[in-house]
């Protein structure tokens, strides 16, 4: 039986103690290995630039945000332009929300707080190496709230809150039996109908409760955004729950779908949105107003 090669990790942080701590942690795992640690964005870009990478290009990069010479956001953009297959996890602290958001928008596959538990960091590296994204719903809501803060919205939406009134029962009643793939002609099918006639309640004039209890915008129909026009009714439901931070298992539970069906919907959604991964889909959900943060 062939053993898979270890995931190659590059650590980028301007604090030597932080780099050293991360290196010791990552190297303690048999399926992970540190190929380098550097102190600024310029060195990080050089680490993936053809001909300059001494130890070979990394699979995953742990990227600090604020560093000298070149910050982590610009480095993320340049690295993904050179090596789009590399996965980047943005490292941030609570007072760097806007910087972390910009990193996600630049193409990072997720973010972690620097005070995350060691097992969370290791799990995150393995997750993005598999091609998935790292999303912590509570922190995602804090970061992405910057996208809609100008509009003065203040509704909290998480996957956990989506299981309250208007959760499963509202979702089941909002869409007729079947796969819900009846095109995009009626915005009342997936999201609009759930808030207007799903019996789940309307919390205010500018919001409505959609499938799974997800709070969405009612004042300006988000489904008119050109990026979302190609989504079917069922894909809209799944997209709302992705935006709320729900895992595939939670989506299965709320919409009464099988795991292969959920995976297929998620794959189609990412393709139609031209989203790199689940994190990018969450960003789009907030940008368009499909999901409203607190």
C-alpha atoms as a PDB file:
ATOM      1  CA  UNK A   1       0.000   0.000   0.000  1.00  0.00           C
ATOM      2  CA  UNK A   2       1.456   3.354  -1.077  1.00  0.00           C
ATOM      3  CA  UNK A   3       1.671   6.000   1.637  1.00  0.00           C
ATOM      4  CA  UNK A   4       0.645   9.495   0.579  1.00  0.00           C
ATOM      5  CA  UNK A   5       3.441  12.063   0.790  1.00  0.00           C
ATOM      6  CA  UNK A   6       3.161  14.523   3.684  1.00  0.00           C
ATOM      7  CA  UNK A   7       1.444  17.844   3.125  1.00  0.00           C
ATOM      8  CA  UNK A   8       4.107  20.506   2.576  1.00  0.00           C
ATOM      9  CA  UNK A   9       3.557  23.614   4.714  1.00  0.00           C
ATOM     10  CA  UNK A  10       5.138  27.060   4.493  1.00  0.00           C
ATOM     11  CA  UNK A  11       4.860  29.347   7.532  1.00  0.00           C
ATOM     12  CA  UNK A  12       4.812  33.112   6.926  1.00  0.00           C
ATOM     13  CA  UNK A  13       4.948  35.416   9.957  1.00  0.00           C
ATOM     14  CA  UNK A  14       7.179  38.308  10.978  1.00  0.00           C
ATOM     15  CA  UNK A  15       7.526  37.039  14.561  1.00  0.00           C
ATOM     16  CA  UNK A  16      10.252  34.385  14.925  1.00  0.00           C
ATOM     17  CA  UNK A  17       8.664  32.894  18.046  1.00  0.00           C
ATOM     18  CA  UNK A  18       5.351  32.400  16.236  1.00  0.00           C
ATOM     19  CA  UNK A  19       7.086  30.781  13.268  1.00  0.00           C
ATOM     20  CA  UNK A  20       9.052  28.514  15.583  1.00  0.00           C
ATOM     21  CA  UNK A  21       5.975  27.443  17.496  1.00  0.00           C
ATOM     22  CA  UNK A  22       4.014  26.657  14.351  1.00  0.00           C
ATOM     23  CA  UNK A  23       6.983  24.747  12.911  1.00  0.00           C
ATOM     24  CA  UNK A  24       7.284  22.536  15.983  1.00  0.00           C
ATOM     25  CA  UNK A  25       3.553  21.838  15.967  1.00  0.00           C
ATOM     26  CA  UNK A  26       3.287  21.027  12.261  1.00  0.00           C
ATOM     27  CA  UNK A  27       6.458  18.928  12.173  1.00  0.00           C
ATOM     28  CA  UNK A  28       5.150  16.827  15.070  1.00  0.00           C
ATOM     29  CA  UNK A  29       2.609  15.279  12.697  1.00  0.00           C
ATOM     30  CA  UNK A  30       3.653  12.379  10.448  1.00  0.00           C
ATOM     31  CA  UNK A  31       1.394  13.519   7.598  1.00  0.00           C
ATOM     32  CA  UNK A  32       2.620  17.136   7.623  1.00  0.00           C
ATOM     33  CA  UNK A  33       6.021  18.691   7.047  1.00  0.00           C
ATOM     34  CA  UNK A  34       7.320  22.269   7.127  1.00  0.00           C
ATOM     35  CA  UNK A  35       9.250  23.161   3.970  1.00  0.00           C
ATOM     36  CA  UNK A  36      10.192  26.617   5.208  1.00  0.00           C
ATOM     37  CA  UNK A  37       9.332  29.614   7.344  1.00  0.00           C
ATOM     38  CA  UNK A  38       9.785  33.216   6.260  1.00  0.00           C
ATOM     39  CA  UNK A  39       9.185  36.619   7.800  1.00  0.00           C
ATOM     40  CA  UNK A  40       7.494  38.673   5.078  1.00  0.00           C
ATOM     41  CA  UNK A  41       5.338  38.511   1.977  1.00  0.00           C
ATOM     42  CA  UNK A  42       8.159  39.001  -0.501  1.00  0.00           C
ATOM     43  CA  UNK A  43       9.942  35.898   0.762  1.00  0.00           C
ATOM     44  CA  UNK A  44       6.642  34.001   0.684  1.00  0.00           C
ATOM     45  CA  UNK A  45       6.132  34.854  -2.990  1.00  0.00           C
ATOM     46  CA  UNK A  46       9.699  33.823  -3.760  1.00  0.00           C
ATOM     47  CA  UNK A  47       9.036  30.482  -2.049  1.00  0.00           C
ATOM     48  CA  UNK A  48       6.570  29.544  -4.792  1.00  0.00           C
ATOM     49  CA  UNK A  49       8.249  31.335  -7.682  1.00  0.00           C
ATOM     50  CA  UNK A  50       9.643  28.839 -10.216  1.00  0.00           C
ATOM     51  CA  UNK A  51      13.401  28.522  -9.917  1.00  0.00           C
ATOM     52  CA  UNK A  52      13.617  30.259  -6.533  1.00  0.00           C
ATOM     53  CA  UNK A  53      11.923  27.734  -4.248  1.00  0.00           C
ATOM     54  CA  UNK A  54      14.777  25.813  -2.653  1.00  0.00           C
ATOM     55  CA  UNK A  55      12.675  23.139  -0.957  1.00  0.00           C
ATOM     56  CA  UNK A  56       9.947  23.049  -3.605  1.00  0.00           C
ATOM     57  CA  UNK A  57       6.573  24.754  -3.633  1.00  0.00           C
ATOM     58  CA  UNK A  58       4.365  24.225  -0.564  1.00  0.00           C
ATOM     59  CA  UNK A  59       0.898  22.712  -0.648  1.00  0.00           C
ATOM     60  CA  UNK A  60      -0.432  24.918   2.154  1.00  0.00           C
ATOM     61  CA  UNK A  61       0.710  28.308   3.429  1.00  0.00           C
ATOM     62  CA  UNK A  62      -0.033  29.694   6.899  1.00  0.00           C
ATOM     63  CA  UNK A  63      -0.067  33.432   6.139  1.00  0.00           C
ATOM     64  CA  UNK A  64       0.128  36.265   8.650  1.00  0.00           C
ATOM     65  CA  UNK A  65      -1.657  39.460   7.599  1.00  0.00           C
ATOM     66  CA  UNK A  66       0.506  42.417   8.629  1.00  0.00           C
ATOM     67  CA  UNK A  67       4.186  42.056   7.812  1.00  0.00           C
ATOM     68  CA  UNK A  68       7.003  44.305   6.565  1.00  0.00           C
ATOM     69  CA  UNK A  69       7.852  44.775   2.866  1.00  0.00           C
ATOM     70  CA  UNK A  70       4.735  43.010   1.605  1.00  0.00           C
ATOM     71  CA  UNK A  71       1.677  42.193   3.697  1.00  0.00           C
ATOM     72  CA  UNK A  72      -0.090  38.869   3.659  1.00  0.00           C
ATOM     73  CA  UNK A  73      -2.967  40.092   1.515  1.00  0.00           C
ATOM     74  CA  UNK A  74      -0.823  41.211  -1.398  1.00  0.00           C
ATOM     75  CA  UNK A  75       1.340  38.128  -0.980  1.00  0.00           C
ATOM     76  CA  UNK A  76      -1.786  35.954  -1.219  1.00  0.00           C
ATOM     77  CA  UNK A  77      -2.764  37.593  -4.503  1.00  0.00           C
ATOM     78  CA  UNK A  78       0.707  37.220  -6.002  1.00  0.00           C
ATOM     79  CA  UNK A  79       1.176  33.639  -4.822  1.00  0.00           C
ATOM     80  CA  UNK A  80      -2.140  32.495  -6.277  1.00  0.00           C
ATOM     81  CA  UNK A  81      -1.317  34.217  -9.551  1.00  0.00           C
ATOM     82  CA  UNK A  82       1.922  32.231  -9.714  1.00  0.00           C
ATOM     83  CA  UNK A  83       0.676  28.970  -8.216  1.00  0.00           C
ATOM     84  CA  UNK A  84      -3.139  28.745  -8.081  1.00  0.00           C
ATOM     85  CA  UNK A  85      -2.975  25.202  -6.711  1.00  0.00           C
ATOM     86  CA  UNK A  86      -1.473  26.430  -3.421  1.00  0.00           C
ATOM     87  CA  UNK A  87      -3.913  26.726  -0.533  1.00  0.00           C
ATOM     88  CA  UNK A  88      -3.538  29.661   1.860  1.00  0.00           C
ATOM     89  CA  UNK A  89      -4.840  30.012   5.408  1.00  0.00           C
ATOM     90  CA  UNK A  90      -4.890  33.581   6.685  1.00  0.00           C
ATOM     91  CA  UNK A  91      -3.784  33.997  10.296  1.00  0.00           C
ATOM     92  CA  UNK A  92      -5.377  36.878  12.151  1.00  0.00           C
ATOM     93  CA  UNK A  93      -6.306  38.332  15.525  1.00  0.00           C
ATOM     94  CA  UNK A  94      -9.607  39.892  16.571  1.00  0.00           C
ATOM     95  CA  UNK A  95      -8.451  43.408  15.777  1.00  0.00           C
ATOM     96  CA  UNK A  96      -7.542  42.549  12.177  1.00  0.00           C
ATOM     97  CA  UNK A  97     -10.976  41.654  10.861  1.00  0.00           C
ATOM     98  CA  UNK A  98     -10.849  43.828   7.750  1.00  0.00           C
ATOM     99  CA  UNK A  99      -7.404  42.572   6.790  1.00  0.00           C
ATOM    100  CA  UNK A 100      -8.518  38.970   7.130  1.00  0.00           C
ATOM    101  CA  UNK A 101     -11.582  39.639   5.005  1.00  0.00           C
ATOM    102  CA  UNK A 102      -9.403  41.123   2.288  1.00  0.00           C
ATOM    103  CA  UNK A 103      -7.256  38.012   2.444  1.00  0.00           C
ATOM    104  CA  UNK A 104     -10.303  35.806   1.880  1.00  0.00           C
ATOM    105  CA  UNK A 105     -11.372  37.985  -1.032  1.00  0.00           C
ATOM    106  CA  UNK A 106      -7.847  37.729  -2.434  1.00  0.00           C
ATOM    107  CA  UNK A 107      -8.319  33.971  -2.726  1.00  0.00           C
ATOM    108  CA  UNK A 108      -7.307  32.489   0.621  1.00  0.00           C
ATOM    109  CA  UNK A 109      -8.972  29.180   1.450  1.00  0.00           C
ATOM    110  CA  UNK A 110      -9.835  30.196   4.986  1.00  0.00           C
ATOM    111  CA  UNK A 111      -8.657  31.891   8.121  1.00  0.00           C
ATOM    112  CA  UNK A 112      -7.755  31.073  11.683  1.00  0.00           C
ATOM    113  CA  UNK A 113      -7.357  33.157  14.783  1.00  0.00           C
ATOM    114  CA  UNK A 114      -3.850  32.987  16.193  1.00  0.00           C
ATOM    115  CA  UNK A 115      -5.232  31.819  19.518  1.00  0.00           C
ATOM    116  CA  UNK A 116      -6.840  28.743  17.922  1.00  0.00           C
ATOM    117  CA  UNK A 117      -6.188  25.438  19.630  1.00  0.00           C
ATOM    118  CA  UNK A 118      -3.298  23.389  18.185  1.00  0.00           C
ATOM    119  CA  UNK A 119      -5.649  20.674  16.933  1.00  0.00           C
ATOM    120  CA  UNK A 120      -7.709  23.312  15.108  1.00  0.00           C
ATOM    121  CA  UNK A 121      -4.638  24.537  13.258  1.00  0.00           C
ATOM    122  CA  UNK A 122      -3.632  21.006  12.262  1.00  0.00           C
ATOM    123  CA  UNK A 123      -7.159  20.153  11.163  1.00  0.00           C
ATOM    124  CA  UNK A 124      -7.288  23.351   9.108  1.00  0.00           C
ATOM    125  CA  UNK A 125      -4.084  22.467   7.265  1.00  0.00           C
ATOM    126  CA  UNK A 126      -5.409  19.009   6.430  1.00  0.00           C
ATOM    127  CA  UNK A 127      -8.783  20.405   5.404  1.00  0.00           C
ATOM    128  CA  UNK A 128      -7.473  22.904   2.866  1.00  0.00           C
ATOM    129  CA  UNK A 129      -4.940  20.379   1.582  1.00  0.00           C
ATOM    130  CA  UNK A 130      -7.911  18.178   0.629  1.00  0.00           C
ATOM    131  CA  UNK A 131      -9.329  21.030  -1.397  1.00  0.00           C
ATOM    132  CA  UNK A 132     -11.931  22.119   1.131  1.00  0.00           C
ATOM    133  CA  UNK A 133     -12.148  25.420   2.953  1.00  0.00           C
ATOM    134  CA  UNK A 134     -11.852  26.433   6.585  1.00  0.00           C
ATOM    135  CA  UNK A 135     -14.882  28.324   7.850  1.00  0.00           C
ATOM    136  CA  UNK A 136     -15.592  29.083  11.489  1.00  0.00           C
ATOM    137  CA  UNK A 137     -19.204  30.355  11.383  1.00  0.00           C
ATOM    138  CA  UNK A 138     -19.031  32.753  14.335  1.00  0.00           C
ATOM    139  CA  UNK A 139     -15.818  34.362  13.148  1.00  0.00           C
ATOM    140  CA  UNK A 140     -16.955  34.322   9.533  1.00  0.00           C
ATOM    141  CA  UNK A 141     -19.939  36.427  10.544  1.00  0.00           C
ATOM    142  CA  UNK A 142     -17.689  38.988  12.258  1.00  0.00           C
ATOM    143  CA  UNK A 143     -15.376  39.295   9.284  1.00  0.00           C
ATOM    144  CA  UNK A 144     -17.986  39.360   6.550  1.00  0.00           C
ATOM    145  CA  UNK A 145     -20.176  41.863   8.392  1.00  0.00           C
ATOM    146  CA  UNK A 146     -17.893  44.520   6.888  1.00  0.00           C
ATOM    147  CA  UNK A 147     -19.431  43.750   3.506  1.00  0.00           C
ATOM    148  CA  UNK A 148     -22.890  44.955   4.529  1.00  0.00           C
ATOM    149  CA  UNK A 149     -22.137  47.256   7.470  1.00  0.00           C
ATOM    150  CA  UNK A 150     -22.612  50.341   5.288  1.00  0.00           C
ATOM    151  CA  UNK A 151     -26.266  49.377   4.883  1.00  0.00           C
ATOM    152  CA  UNK A 152     -26.803  49.385   8.637  1.00  0.00           C
ATOM    153  CA  UNK A 153     -27.970  45.767   8.791  1.00  0.00           C
ATOM    154  CA  UNK A 154     -27.648  43.990  12.105  1.00  0.00           C
ATOM    155  CA  UNK A 155     -29.257  40.569  11.772  1.00  0.00           C
ATOM    156  CA  UNK A 156     -27.224  37.638  13.082  1.00  0.00           C
ATOM    157  CA  UNK A 157     -27.227  34.530  10.923  1.00  0.00           C
ATOM    158  CA  UNK A 158     -25.406  31.312  11.716  1.00  0.00           C
ATOM    159  CA  UNK A 159     -26.034  27.716  10.862  1.00  0.00           C
ATOM    160  CA  UNK A 160     -26.902  27.140  14.522  1.00  0.00           C
ATOM    161  CA  UNK A 161     -29.536  29.889  14.496  1.00  0.00           C
ATOM    162  CA  UNK A 162     -31.025  28.441  11.306  1.00  0.00           C
ATOM    163  CA  UNK A 163     -32.550  25.588  13.289  1.00  0.00           C
ATOM    164  CA  UNK A 164     -34.954  27.734  15.274  1.00  0.00           C
ATOM    165  CA  UNK A 165     -38.510  28.757  14.311  1.00  0.00           C
ATOM    166  CA  UNK A 166     -38.845  28.487  10.585  1.00  0.00           C
ATOM    167  CA  UNK A 167     -35.992  25.969  10.476  1.00  0.00           C
ATOM    168  CA  UNK A 168     -36.779  22.452   9.342  1.00  0.00           C
ATOM    169  CA  UNK A 169     -40.521  22.837   9.130  1.00  0.00           C
ATOM    170  CA  UNK A 170     -40.257  26.132   7.252  1.00  0.00           C
ATOM    171  CA  UNK A 171     -37.754  24.623   4.875  1.00  0.00           C
ATOM    172  CA  UNK A 172     -39.825  21.558   4.203  1.00  0.00           C
ATOM    173  CA  UNK A 173     -42.858  23.652   3.381  1.00  0.00           C
ATOM    174  CA  UNK A 174     -41.070  26.178   1.191  1.00  0.00           C
ATOM    175  CA  UNK A 175     -40.182  23.900  -1.709  1.00  0.00           C
ATOM    176  CA  UNK A 176     -42.335  21.243  -3.361  1.00  0.00           C
ATOM    177  CA  UNK A 177     -41.131  17.638  -3.243  1.00  0.00           C
ATOM    178  CA  UNK A 178     -38.358  16.865  -5.695  1.00  0.00           C
ATOM    179  CA  UNK A 179     -34.955  18.299  -6.328  1.00  0.00           C
ATOM    180  CA  UNK A 180     -36.176  21.864  -6.657  1.00  0.00           C
ATOM    181  CA  UNK A 181     -34.348  22.336  -9.939  1.00  0.00           C
ATOM    182  CA  UNK A 182     -37.067  24.291 -11.642  1.00  0.00           C
ATOM    183  CA  UNK A 183     -34.756  26.985 -12.978  1.00  0.00           C
ATOM    184  CA  UNK A 184     -34.483  30.615 -11.904  1.00  0.00           C
ATOM    185  CA  UNK A 185     -37.661  32.087 -13.242  1.00  0.00           C
ATOM    186  CA  UNK A 186     -39.420  32.494  -9.878  1.00  0.00           C
ATOM    187  CA  UNK A 187     -37.460  34.020  -7.060  1.00  0.00           C
ATOM    188  CA  UNK A 188     -40.280  33.067  -4.745  1.00  0.00           C
ATOM    189  CA  UNK A 189     -39.360  29.386  -5.033  1.00  0.00           C
ATOM    190  CA  UNK A 190     -36.234  28.978  -2.995  1.00  0.00           C
ATOM    191  CA  UNK A 191     -35.808  32.111  -0.938  1.00  0.00           C
ATOM    192  CA  UNK A 192     -38.579  34.553  -1.635  1.00  0.00           C
ATOM    193  CA  UNK A 193     -41.392  32.056  -1.083  1.00  0.00           C
ATOM    194  CA  UNK A 194     -40.004  30.875   2.220  1.00  0.00           C
ATOM    195  CA  UNK A 195     -40.088  34.331   3.712  1.00  0.00           C
ATOM    196  CA  UNK A 196     -43.400  35.404   2.224  1.00  0.00           C
ATOM    197  CA  UNK A 197     -45.498  32.281   2.606  1.00  0.00           C
ATOM    198  CA  UNK A 198     -43.477  29.691   4.461  1.00  0.00           C
ATOM    199  CA  UNK A 199     -45.066  30.564   7.773  1.00  0.00           C
ATOM    200  CA  UNK A 200     -41.691  31.190   9.375  1.00  0.00           C
ATOM    201  CA  UNK A 201     -42.262  34.829  10.225  1.00  0.00           C
ATOM    202  CA  UNK A 202     -40.764  38.090   9.006  1.00  0.00           C
ATOM    203  CA  UNK A 203     -38.436  39.698  11.553  1.00  0.00           C
ATOM    204  CA  UNK A 204     -38.508  43.140   9.927  1.00  0.00           C
ATOM    205  CA  UNK A 205     -39.303  45.128   6.825  1.00  0.00           C
ATOM    206  CA  UNK A 206     -35.896  44.625   5.282  1.00  0.00           C
ATOM    207  CA  UNK A 207     -35.361  40.943   6.000  1.00  0.00           C
ATOM    208  CA  UNK A 208     -37.112  37.620   5.577  1.00  0.00           C
ATOM    209  CA  UNK A 209     -36.573  34.076   6.716  1.00  0.00           C
ATOM    210  CA  UNK A 210     -35.565  31.724   3.946  1.00  0.00           C
ATOM    211  CA  UNK A 211     -35.043  27.941   3.729  1.00  0.00           C
ATOM    212  CA  UNK A 212     -33.550  26.443   6.853  1.00  0.00           C
ATOM    213  CA  UNK A 213     -34.380  29.606   8.823  1.00  0.00           C
ATOM    214  CA  UNK A 214     -31.617  31.637   7.149  1.00  0.00           C
ATOM    215  CA  UNK A 215     -32.226  35.384   7.341  1.00  0.00           C
ATOM    216  CA  UNK A 216     -31.969  37.053   3.941  1.00  0.00           C
ATOM    217  CA  UNK A 217     -32.597  40.434   2.390  1.00  0.00           C
ATOM    218  CA  UNK A 218     -36.145  41.326   1.339  1.00  0.00           C
ATOM    219  CA  UNK A 219     -35.778  45.010   0.470  1.00  0.00           C
ATOM    220  CA  UNK A 220     -33.489  44.352  -2.497  1.00  0.00           C
ATOM    221  CA  UNK A 221     -33.916  40.912  -3.995  1.00  0.00           C
ATOM    222  CA  UNK A 222     -30.402  39.380  -3.846  1.00  0.00           C
ATOM    223  CA  UNK A 223     -31.328  36.768  -6.443  1.00  0.00           C
ATOM    224  CA  UNK A 224     -31.352  39.455  -9.125  1.00  0.00           C
ATOM    225  CA  UNK A 225     -27.594  39.702  -8.824  1.00  0.00           C
ATOM    226  CA  UNK A 226     -26.119  38.444 -12.138  1.00  0.00           C
ATOM    227  CA  UNK A 227     -23.811  36.074 -10.271  1.00  0.00           C
ATOM    228  CA  UNK A 228     -26.791  34.170  -8.865  1.00  0.00           C
ATOM    229  CA  UNK A 229     -29.040  34.035 -11.906  1.00  0.00           C
ATOM    230  CA  UNK A 230     -27.916  30.551 -12.910  1.00  0.00           C
ATOM    231  CA  UNK A 231     -28.770  28.882  -9.606  1.00  0.00           C
ATOM    232  CA  UNK A 232     -31.785  26.568  -9.491  1.00  0.00           C
ATOM    233  CA  UNK A 233     -34.324  26.773  -6.686  1.00  0.00           C
ATOM    234  CA  UNK A 234     -32.711  23.925  -4.750  1.00  0.00           C
ATOM    235  CA  UNK A 235     -29.228  25.358  -5.306  1.00  0.00           C
ATOM    236  CA  UNK A 236     -30.453  28.643  -3.844  1.00  0.00           C
ATOM    237  CA  UNK A 237     -31.532  26.829  -0.709  1.00  0.00           C
ATOM    238  CA  UNK A 238     -28.182  25.092  -0.396  1.00  0.00           C
ATOM    239  CA  UNK A 239     -26.334  28.341  -1.142  1.00  0.00           C
ATOM    240  CA  UNK A 240     -28.136  30.138   1.694  1.00  0.00           C
ATOM    241  CA  UNK A 241     -27.095  27.445   4.139  1.00  0.00           C
ATOM    242  CA  UNK A 242     -23.503  27.503   2.876  1.00  0.00           C
ATOM    243  CA  UNK A 243     -23.511  31.243   3.481  1.00  0.00           C
ATOM    244  CA  UNK A 244     -24.741  30.655   7.040  1.00  0.00           C
ATOM    245  CA  UNK A 245     -21.726  28.413   7.675  1.00  0.00           C
ATOM    246  CA  UNK A 246     -23.520  25.071   7.515  1.00  0.00           C
ATOM    247  CA  UNK A 247     -21.557  21.909   6.855  1.00  0.00           C
ATOM    248  CA  UNK A 248     -22.726  19.327   4.322  1.00  0.00           C
ATOM    249  CA  UNK A 249     -24.095  17.206   7.173  1.00  0.00           C
ATOM    250  CA  UNK A 250     -26.124  20.138   8.503  1.00  0.00           C
ATOM    251  CA  UNK A 251     -27.451  20.907   5.018  1.00  0.00           C
ATOM    252  CA  UNK A 252     -28.477  17.256   4.676  1.00  0.00           C
ATOM    253  CA  UNK A 253     -30.380  17.481   7.940  1.00  0.00           C
ATOM    254  CA  UNK A 254     -32.165  20.726   7.183  1.00  0.00           C
ATOM    255  CA  UNK A 255     -33.164  19.977   3.603  1.00  0.00           C
ATOM    256  CA  UNK A 256     -33.641  16.212   3.979  1.00  0.00           C
ATOM    257  CA  UNK A 257     -31.123  15.407   1.249  1.00  0.00           C
ATOM    258  CA  UNK A 258     -28.600  12.599   0.873  1.00  0.00           C
ATOM    259  CA  UNK A 259     -24.873  13.268   1.161  1.00  0.00           C
ATOM    260  CA  UNK A 260     -24.151  12.664  -2.563  1.00  0.00           C
ATOM    261  CA  UNK A 261     -26.970  15.033  -3.485  1.00  0.00           C
ATOM    262  CA  UNK A 262     -25.629  17.789  -1.236  1.00  0.00           C
ATOM    263  CA  UNK A 263     -22.108  17.335  -2.590  1.00  0.00           C
ATOM    264  CA  UNK A 264     -23.423  17.550  -6.143  1.00  0.00           C
ATOM    265  CA  UNK A 265     -25.339  20.749  -5.372  1.00  0.00           C
ATOM    266  CA  UNK A 266     -22.300  22.317  -3.682  1.00  0.00           C
ATOM    267  CA  UNK A 267     -20.103  21.419  -6.661  1.00  0.00           C
ATOM    268  CA  UNK A 268     -22.596  22.924  -9.111  1.00  0.00           C
ATOM    269  CA  UNK A 269     -22.919  26.077  -7.005  1.00  0.00           C
ATOM    270  CA  UNK A 270     -19.172  26.641  -6.837  1.00  0.00           C
ATOM    271  CA  UNK A 271     -18.900  26.093 -10.583  1.00  0.00           C
ATOM    272  CA  UNK A 272     -21.727  28.486 -11.431  1.00  0.00           C
ATOM    273  CA  UNK A 273     -20.428  31.167  -9.074  1.00  0.00           C
ATOM    274  CA  UNK A 274     -16.865  30.613 -10.330  1.00  0.00           C
ATOM    275  CA  UNK A 275     -15.958  30.354  -6.660  1.00  0.00           C
ATOM    276  CA  UNK A 276     -12.593  28.834  -5.803  1.00  0.00           C
ATOM    277  CA  UNK A 277     -14.010  27.074  -2.752  1.00  0.00           C
ATOM    278  CA  UNK A 278     -16.609  27.251  -0.004  1.00  0.00           C
ATOM    279  CA  UNK A 279     -15.090  30.362   1.578  1.00  0.00           C
ATOM    280  CA  UNK A 280     -15.450  32.267  -1.664  1.00  0.00           C
ATOM    281  CA  UNK A 281     -19.080  31.151  -1.856  1.00  0.00           C
ATOM    282  CA  UNK A 282     -19.668  32.537   1.650  1.00  0.00           C
ATOM    283  CA  UNK A 283     -18.143  35.863   0.597  1.00  0.00           C
ATOM    284  CA  UNK A 284     -20.535  36.018  -2.366  1.00  0.00           C
ATOM    285  CA  UNK A 285     -23.475  35.175  -0.106  1.00  0.00           C
ATOM    286  CA  UNK A 286     -22.664  38.193   2.056  1.00  0.00           C
ATOM    287  CA  UNK A 287     -21.762  40.500  -0.831  1.00  0.00           C
ATOM    288  CA  UNK A 288     -25.086  39.866  -2.549  1.00  0.00           C
ATOM    289  CA  UNK A 289     -27.167  40.076   0.627  1.00  0.00           C
ATOM    290  CA  UNK A 290     -28.325  36.459   0.477  1.00  0.00           C
ATOM    291  CA  UNK A 291     -27.161  36.137   4.090  1.00  0.00           C
ATOM    292  CA  UNK A 292     -27.055  39.003   6.554  1.00  0.00           C
ATOM    293  CA  UNK A 293     -24.450  39.054   9.326  1.00  0.00           C
ATOM    294  CA  UNK A 294     -24.737  40.451  12.821  1.00  0.00           C
END
